Amino acid sequence: MATAIAATCEEIKQVLLEKNRAYGNSALAPLRIFSRADPVEQLNVRIDDKLSRIARGSEYACDDTELDLIGYLVLRRVARMLRQSAAAPLVRLGTGGDFTRDIHG
């Protein structure tokens, strides 16, 4: 069972990395030509579309809608984590000189 889970997670990882290279990180850093929605909201729309296809039984023959859905959920989680870390307050470490640096707390 553990091997099957690891293999499935590896497949998802590889698909996400390949699509990220092919599409230029469009899920997390979209061009914003038409939509001004943030990346999480844009991913929510894509997830809704995939769920709609599954519910209606109108999946495209060459698509793996389940794998796409899992991928969008992973990307949504990453986008939320990135948004939270960007909003984290800066904490001052050290007292000065070369030892003073800012990090996210």
Protein backbone atom coordinates (compact mmCIF):
# COMPACT_ATOMS: atom_id res chain seq x y z
CA MET A 1 0.00 0.00 0.00
CA ALA A 2 2.77 2.48 0.93
CA THR A 3 4.51 1.85 -2.39
CA ALA A 4 1.31 2.53 -4.34
CA ILE A 5 0.72 5.77 -2.45
CA ALA A 6 4.30 6.89 -3.03
CA ALA A 7 4.10 6.02 -6.74
CA THR A 8 0.82 7.92 -7.14
CA CYS A 9 2.21 10.98 -5.35
CA GLU A 10 5.32 10.83 -7.55
CA GLU A 11 3.11 10.72 -10.67
CA ILE A 12 1.19 13.78 -9.47
CA LYS A 13 4.44 15.59 -8.72
CA GLN A 14 5.87 14.82 -12.16
CA VAL A 15 2.70 15.95 -13.94
CA LEU A 16 2.63 19.21 -11.97
CA LEU A 17 6.28 19.95 -12.62
CA GLU A 18 5.95 19.16 -16.36
CA LYS A 19 2.84 21.33 -16.72
CA ASN A 20 4.51 24.13 -14.74
CA ARG A 21 7.44 24.08 -17.17
CA ALA A 22 5.15 23.90 -20.20
CA TYR A 23 2.75 26.65 -19.06
CA GLY A 24 5.27 28.94 -17.39
CA ASN A 25 3.86 28.86 -13.84
CA SER A 26 0.53 30.22 -15.08
CA ALA A 27 -1.39 28.78 -12.12
CA LEU A 28 0.55 30.67 -9.46
CA ALA A 29 1.74 33.66 -11.51
CA PRO A 30 -0.90 34.24 -14.20
CA LEU A 31 -0.45 36.86 -16.94
CA ARG A 32 -3.72 38.57 -15.93
CA ILE A 33 -4.78 39.46 -19.45
CA PHE A 34 -8.52 39.11 -18.74
CA SER A 35 -8.90 38.05 -15.11
CA ARG A 36 -7.65 40.05 -12.16
CA ALA A 37 -8.58 37.36 -9.62
CA ASP A 38 -5.84 36.16 -7.32
CA PRO A 39 -4.25 32.75 -8.00
CA VAL A 40 -6.26 30.96 -5.30
CA GLU A 41 -9.55 32.21 -6.71
CA GLN A 42 -8.49 31.28 -10.24
CA LEU A 43 -7.64 27.78 -9.03
CA ASN A 44 -11.03 27.59 -7.30
CA VAL A 45 -12.69 28.26 -10.67
CA ARG A 46 -10.63 25.54 -12.36
CA ILE A 47 -11.53 23.12 -9.56
CA ASP A 48 -15.21 23.99 -9.96
CA ASP A 49 -14.95 23.32 -13.70
CA LYS A 50 -13.36 19.90 -13.14
CA LEU A 51 -15.97 18.95 -10.53
CA SER A 52 -18.70 20.07 -12.91
CA ARG A 53 -17.33 17.83 -15.66
CA ILE A 54 -17.20 14.86 -13.29
CA ALA A 55 -20.73 15.51 -11.97
CA ARG A 56 -22.17 15.85 -15.48
CA GLY A 57 -20.19 12.96 -16.92
CA SER A 58 -18.84 15.25 -19.63
CA GLU A 59 -15.13 14.59 -19.36
CA TYR A 60 -12.94 14.92 -22.44
CA ALA A 61 -11.75 11.56 -23.74
CA CYS A 62 -8.04 12.44 -23.68
CA ASP A 63 -8.12 14.23 -20.29
CA ASP A 64 -7.51 12.67 -16.90
CA THR A 65 -9.97 14.84 -15.02
CA GLU A 66 -9.25 13.16 -11.69
CA LEU A 67 -5.51 13.75 -12.01
CA ASP A 68 -6.14 17.35 -13.12
CA LEU A 69 -8.40 17.90 -10.10
CA ILE A 70 -5.80 16.52 -7.69
CA GLY A 71 -3.18 18.72 -9.34
CA TYR A 72 -5.33 21.83 -8.97
CA LEU A 73 -5.94 21.01 -5.30
CA VAL A 74 -2.19 20.67 -4.72
CA LEU A 75 -1.56 23.97 -6.54
CA ARG A 76 -4.29 25.64 -4.47
CA ARG A 77 -2.59 24.44 -1.30
CA VAL A 78 0.77 25.77 -2.52
CA ALA A 79 -0.78 29.12 -3.52
CA ARG A 80 -2.38 29.48 -0.07
CA MET A 81 0.91 28.63 1.66
CA LEU A 82 2.78 31.17 -0.47
CA ARG A 83 0.16 33.83 0.21
CA GLN A 84 0.37 33.18 3.98
CA SER A 85 4.16 33.28 4.03
CA ALA A 86 4.17 36.54 2.04
CA ALA A 87 1.79 38.07 4.59
CA ALA A 88 3.86 36.94 7.59
CA PRO A 89 5.40 39.80 9.56
CA LEU A 90 9.12 40.41 9.36
CA VAL A 91 11.09 39.68 12.52
CA ARG A 92 14.35 41.51 13.24
CA LEU A 93 17.15 39.18 14.30
CA GLY A 94 20.49 40.23 15.74
CA THR A 95 21.63 43.54 17.10
CA GLY A 96 23.40 45.09 14.17
CA GLY A 97 26.37 44.76 11.87
CA ASP A 98 26.58 41.62 9.79
CA PHE A 99 24.30 39.77 12.19
CA THR A 100 21.19 41.83 11.48
CA ARG A 101 18.83 40.24 9.04
CA ASP A 102 15.12 40.12 8.38
CA ILE A 103 13.19 36.90 8.08
CA HIS A 104 9.57 35.97 7.95
CA GLY A 105 8.34 34.98 11.40
